[in-house]
Protein backbone atom coordinates (compact mmCIF):
# COMPACT_ATOMS: atom_id res chain seq x y z
CA UNK A 1 -19.26 51.21 -31.76
CA UNK A 2 -16.10 49.34 -30.88
CA UNK A 3 -14.06 46.54 -32.42
CA UNK A 4 -12.21 43.88 -30.41
CA UNK A 5 -8.75 43.33 -31.94
CA UNK A 6 -7.61 40.54 -29.62
CA UNK A 7 -5.95 40.26 -26.21
CA UNK A 8 -8.33 42.70 -24.53
CA UNK A 9 -7.61 45.51 -27.02
CA UNK A 10 -10.67 47.43 -28.20
CA UNK A 11 -10.76 50.45 -30.53
CA UNK A 12 -13.53 52.68 -31.81
CA UNK A 13 -14.60 51.60 -35.28
CA UNK A 14 -14.69 55.25 -36.33
CA UNK A 15 -10.94 55.52 -35.54
CA UNK A 16 -10.00 52.68 -37.92
CA UNK A 17 -8.45 53.84 -41.18
CA UNK A 18 -7.54 50.43 -42.61
CA UNK A 19 -7.41 46.73 -41.83
CA UNK A 20 -4.57 45.16 -43.80
CA UNK A 21 -3.99 41.45 -44.37
CA UNK A 22 -0.26 41.03 -43.68
CA UNK A 23 -0.22 37.28 -44.40
CA UNK A 24 -1.17 37.55 -48.07
CA UNK A 25 0.21 41.02 -48.77
CA UNK A 26 3.85 40.94 -47.70
CA UNK A 27 4.76 43.89 -49.89
CA UNK A 28 7.69 46.20 -49.31
CA UNK A 29 5.21 49.03 -48.74
CA UNK A 30 3.49 47.16 -45.91
CA UNK A 31 6.81 46.09 -44.43
CA UNK A 32 8.06 49.70 -44.54
CA UNK A 33 4.84 50.97 -42.96
CA UNK A 34 5.20 48.50 -40.09
CA UNK A 35 8.93 49.22 -39.67
CA UNK A 36 8.51 53.01 -39.63
CA UNK A 37 5.53 52.89 -37.27
CA UNK A 38 7.53 50.61 -34.96
CA UNK A 39 10.50 53.00 -34.97
CA UNK A 40 8.15 55.91 -34.17
CA UNK A 41 6.58 53.94 -31.32
CA UNK A 42 3.19 53.81 -33.01
CA UNK A 43 2.85 50.01 -33.16
CA UNK A 44 1.07 48.00 -30.50
CA UNK A 45 1.84 44.30 -30.88
CA UNK A 46 -1.20 42.39 -29.71
CA UNK A 47 0.31 39.00 -30.52
CA UNK A 48 3.78 37.59 -31.02
CA UNK A 49 5.46 38.31 -34.36
CA UNK A 50 5.05 34.78 -35.69
CA UNK A 51 1.24 34.84 -35.44
CA UNK A 52 0.57 38.29 -36.89
CA UNK A 53 -2.23 38.15 -39.43
CA UNK A 54 -3.43 41.73 -39.72
CA UNK A 55 -2.41 45.35 -39.31
CA UNK A 56 -5.06 47.73 -38.04
CA UNK A 57 -4.25 51.37 -38.83
CA UNK A 58 -5.81 54.14 -36.74
CA UNK A 59 -5.05 57.82 -36.56
CA UNK A 60 -3.21 57.44 -33.24
CA UNK A 61 -1.71 53.97 -33.19
CA UNK A 62 -1.30 50.87 -35.34
CA UNK A 63 -2.00 47.37 -34.08
CA UNK A 64 -0.57 44.01 -35.14
CA UNK A 65 -3.15 41.33 -34.42
CA UNK A 66 -3.31 37.54 -34.63
CA UNK A 67 -6.92 37.80 -35.82
CA UNK A 68 -7.31 37.66 -39.58
CA UNK A 69 -8.33 40.76 -41.50
CA UNK A 70 -11.39 38.91 -42.85
CA UNK A 71 -12.61 38.14 -39.32
CA UNK A 72 -11.99 41.71 -38.17
CA UNK A 73 -13.82 43.03 -41.24
CA UNK A 74 -16.81 40.79 -40.50
CA UNK A 75 -16.85 41.92 -36.87
CA UNK A 76 -16.65 45.57 -37.89
CA UNK A 77 -19.54 45.25 -40.32
CA UNK A 78 -21.76 42.98 -38.27
CA UNK A 79 -25.22 44.37 -37.74
CA UNK A 80 -25.89 44.02 -34.03
CA UNK A 81 -29.64 44.43 -34.55
CA UNK A 82 -30.03 41.59 -37.05
């Protein structure tokens, strides 16, 4: 199964390690994770920096999305057969 992260970006749900709320958790650890991943070229910015709401961590790349972590979590756990 796949998860739409915004702006035509889709990833396999099995590749997702974490979905982090960057609006309510502006910790130094999260900021360092984003900064280091950006330096290493492992960040894909799906939206502009001012509208970033979530960080999606995968084994290959990290994504900054303007879709909230709660919405992404609901999409990831939605039962398509319900």
